[in-house]
């Protein structure tokens, strides 16, 4: 198996539902602190620079795609436990999401 393909397969990418959103005032760029339910994997925290396109009300219950097996990352006074994926468009991010409601924790292949 080619190394790049193996590296991709080593990523654990899952679907989860945002269950909590709060403004992250200590972040350098406008961001939210998110809590995301990944089903059997539990609830993980993430910081996301998505304020330009999303309000807290819009994000609650929103399903996202995230990498759940990266090392935790300290961002200011917050420990991010997963990486929410999105498309970078200029200075904003558009979140990746499933086309229809999916069970939390399902793996992306």
C-alpha atoms as a PDB file:
ATOM      1  CA  UNK A   1       0.000   0.000   0.000  1.00  0.00           C
ATOM      2  CA  UNK A   2       1.376   3.397  -0.925  1.00  0.00           C
ATOM      3  CA  UNK A   3       2.396   5.574   2.061  1.00  0.00           C
ATOM      4  CA  UNK A   4       0.049   8.451   1.213  1.00  0.00           C
ATOM      5  CA  UNK A   5      -2.948   6.140   1.038  1.00  0.00           C
ATOM      6  CA  UNK A   6      -1.922   4.507   4.329  1.00  0.00           C
ATOM      7  CA  UNK A   7      -1.596   7.955   5.928  1.00  0.00           C
ATOM      8  CA  UNK A   8      -5.127   8.796   4.785  1.00  0.00           C
ATOM      9  CA  UNK A   9      -6.486   5.480   6.094  1.00  0.00           C
ATOM     10  CA  UNK A  10      -4.854   6.178   9.476  1.00  0.00           C
ATOM     11  CA  UNK A  11      -7.082   9.248   9.897  1.00  0.00           C
ATOM     12  CA  UNK A  12     -10.169   8.578  11.992  1.00  0.00           C
ATOM     13  CA  UNK A  13     -12.801  10.869  10.469  1.00  0.00           C
ATOM     14  CA  UNK A  14     -16.285  10.757  11.991  1.00  0.00           C
ATOM     15  CA  UNK A  15     -19.654  12.475  11.903  1.00  0.00           C
ATOM     16  CA  UNK A  16     -20.843  14.239  15.046  1.00  0.00           C
ATOM     17  CA  UNK A  17     -23.509  16.676  16.211  1.00  0.00           C
ATOM     18  CA  UNK A  18     -22.708  20.016  17.829  1.00  0.00           C
ATOM     19  CA  UNK A  19     -24.388  20.092  21.252  1.00  0.00           C
ATOM     20  CA  UNK A  20     -22.813  23.230  22.767  1.00  0.00           C
ATOM     21  CA  UNK A  21     -21.460  26.488  21.318  1.00  0.00           C
ATOM     22  CA  UNK A  22     -19.837  29.442  23.041  1.00  0.00           C
ATOM     23  CA  UNK A  23     -17.767  32.377  21.900  1.00  0.00           C
ATOM     24  CA  UNK A  24     -14.009  31.873  22.343  1.00  0.00           C
ATOM     25  CA  UNK A  25     -12.897  35.342  23.413  1.00  0.00           C
ATOM     26  CA  UNK A  26      -9.232  34.400  24.044  1.00  0.00           C
ATOM     27  CA  UNK A  27      -8.692  33.078  20.515  1.00  0.00           C
ATOM     28  CA  UNK A  28      -6.608  35.293  18.213  1.00  0.00           C
ATOM     29  CA  UNK A  29      -9.154  35.029  15.364  1.00  0.00           C
ATOM     30  CA  UNK A  30     -12.937  35.092  15.964  1.00  0.00           C
ATOM     31  CA  UNK A  31     -13.808  31.532  17.022  1.00  0.00           C
ATOM     32  CA  UNK A  32     -16.260  29.329  18.847  1.00  0.00           C
ATOM     33  CA  UNK A  33     -15.680  26.616  21.430  1.00  0.00           C
ATOM     34  CA  UNK A  34     -17.713  23.583  20.364  1.00  0.00           C
ATOM     35  CA  UNK A  35     -18.768  20.392  22.122  1.00  0.00           C
ATOM     36  CA  UNK A  36     -19.529  17.666  19.600  1.00  0.00           C
ATOM     37  CA  UNK A  37     -21.331  14.377  20.295  1.00  0.00           C
ATOM     38  CA  UNK A  38     -19.645  11.462  18.507  1.00  0.00           C
ATOM     39  CA  UNK A  39     -21.961   8.749  19.851  1.00  0.00           C
ATOM     40  CA  UNK A  40     -20.030   5.823  21.357  1.00  0.00           C
ATOM     41  CA  UNK A  41     -16.779   7.847  21.111  1.00  0.00           C
ATOM     42  CA  UNK A  42     -18.236  10.408  23.514  1.00  0.00           C
ATOM     43  CA  UNK A  43     -18.277  14.206  23.460  1.00  0.00           C
ATOM     44  CA  UNK A  44     -15.161  15.984  22.190  1.00  0.00           C
ATOM     45  CA  UNK A  45     -14.261  19.690  22.270  1.00  0.00           C
ATOM     46  CA  UNK A  46     -13.015  21.738  19.348  1.00  0.00           C
ATOM     47  CA  UNK A  47     -12.188  25.338  18.545  1.00  0.00           C
ATOM     48  CA  UNK A  48     -13.420  26.564  15.175  1.00  0.00           C
ATOM     49  CA  UNK A  49     -12.845  29.842  13.320  1.00  0.00           C
ATOM     50  CA  UNK A  50     -16.323  29.870  11.784  1.00  0.00           C
ATOM     51  CA  UNK A  51     -17.958  33.005  13.214  1.00  0.00           C
ATOM     52  CA  UNK A  52     -18.147  34.721   9.824  1.00  0.00           C
ATOM     53  CA  UNK A  53     -20.712  32.243   8.456  1.00  0.00           C
ATOM     54  CA  UNK A  54     -22.332  30.634  11.521  1.00  0.00           C
ATOM     55  CA  UNK A  55     -24.250  31.788  14.596  1.00  0.00           C
ATOM     56  CA  UNK A  56     -24.494  29.709  17.777  1.00  0.00           C
ATOM     57  CA  UNK A  57     -28.202  29.150  17.067  1.00  0.00           C
ATOM     58  CA  UNK A  58     -27.446  27.772  13.595  1.00  0.00           C
ATOM     59  CA  UNK A  59     -24.685  25.495  14.923  1.00  0.00           C
ATOM     60  CA  UNK A  60     -26.688  23.796  17.703  1.00  0.00           C
ATOM     61  CA  UNK A  61     -27.768  20.420  16.325  1.00  0.00           C
ATOM     62  CA  UNK A  62     -25.618  20.885  13.190  1.00  0.00           C
ATOM     63  CA  UNK A  63     -23.798  17.740  12.064  1.00  0.00           C
ATOM     64  CA  UNK A  64     -20.116  18.090  11.164  1.00  0.00           C
ATOM     65  CA  UNK A  65     -17.255  15.956   9.909  1.00  0.00           C
ATOM     66  CA  UNK A  66     -14.148  15.881  12.120  1.00  0.00           C
ATOM     67  CA  UNK A  67     -10.820  14.113  12.589  1.00  0.00           C
ATOM     68  CA  UNK A  68     -10.995  12.519  16.047  1.00  0.00           C
ATOM     69  CA  UNK A  69      -7.571  10.898  16.383  1.00  0.00           C
ATOM     70  CA  UNK A  70      -5.190  13.858  16.175  1.00  0.00           C
ATOM     71  CA  UNK A  71      -3.301  14.742  19.374  1.00  0.00           C
ATOM     72  CA  UNK A  72      -5.051  17.274  21.606  1.00  0.00           C
ATOM     73  CA  UNK A  73      -4.021  20.871  20.923  1.00  0.00           C
ATOM     74  CA  UNK A  74      -3.838  23.736  23.418  1.00  0.00           C
ATOM     75  CA  UNK A  75      -5.368  26.921  21.977  1.00  0.00           C
ATOM     76  CA  UNK A  76      -5.082  29.788  24.476  1.00  0.00           C
ATOM     77  CA  UNK A  77      -6.806  28.447  27.617  1.00  0.00           C
ATOM     78  CA  UNK A  78      -8.735  25.710  25.753  1.00  0.00           C
ATOM     79  CA  UNK A  79      -7.826  22.111  24.870  1.00  0.00           C
ATOM     80  CA  UNK A  80      -9.096  21.140  21.413  1.00  0.00           C
ATOM     81  CA  UNK A  81      -9.701  17.370  21.117  1.00  0.00           C
ATOM     82  CA  UNK A  82     -10.761  17.046  17.470  1.00  0.00           C
ATOM     83  CA  UNK A  83     -10.406  18.913  14.174  1.00  0.00           C
ATOM     84  CA  UNK A  84     -13.649  19.998  12.519  1.00  0.00           C
ATOM     85  CA  UNK A  85     -13.271  19.954   8.729  1.00  0.00           C
ATOM     86  CA  UNK A  86     -14.329  22.706   6.376  1.00  0.00           C
ATOM     87  CA  UNK A  87     -13.653  24.347   3.053  1.00  0.00           C
ATOM     88  CA  UNK A  88     -11.549  27.513   3.242  1.00  0.00           C
ATOM     89  CA  UNK A  89     -13.000  30.262   1.074  1.00  0.00           C
ATOM     90  CA  UNK A  90     -10.979  33.465   1.346  1.00  0.00           C
ATOM     91  CA  UNK A  91     -11.002  34.352   5.035  1.00  0.00           C
ATOM     92  CA  UNK A  92     -13.964  32.164   5.987  1.00  0.00           C
ATOM     93  CA  UNK A  93     -14.684  28.470   6.478  1.00  0.00           C
ATOM     94  CA  UNK A  94     -17.689  26.490   5.246  1.00  0.00           C
ATOM     95  CA  UNK A  95     -18.202  23.356   7.341  1.00  0.00           C
ATOM     96  CA  UNK A  96     -18.304  19.897   5.774  1.00  0.00           C
ATOM     97  CA  UNK A  97     -21.465  17.981   6.674  1.00  0.00           C
ATOM     98  CA  UNK A  98     -23.352  14.868   5.625  1.00  0.00           C
ATOM     99  CA  UNK A  99     -26.173  15.263   3.077  1.00  0.00           C
ATOM    100  CA  UNK A 100     -28.682  13.748   5.485  1.00  0.00           C
ATOM    101  CA  UNK A 101     -28.955  13.100   9.224  1.00  0.00           C
ATOM    102  CA  UNK A 102     -26.498  10.368  10.229  1.00  0.00           C
ATOM    103  CA  UNK A 103     -25.816   8.432  13.421  1.00  0.00           C
ATOM    104  CA  UNK A 104     -23.191  10.192  15.536  1.00  0.00           C
ATOM    105  CA  UNK A 105     -19.803   8.490  15.442  1.00  0.00           C
ATOM    106  CA  UNK A 106     -20.119   6.868  12.022  1.00  0.00           C
ATOM    107  CA  UNK A 107     -16.758   6.664  10.267  1.00  0.00           C
ATOM    108  CA  UNK A 108     -16.027   8.530   7.044  1.00  0.00           C
ATOM    109  CA  UNK A 109     -14.303   6.313   4.472  1.00  0.00           C
END
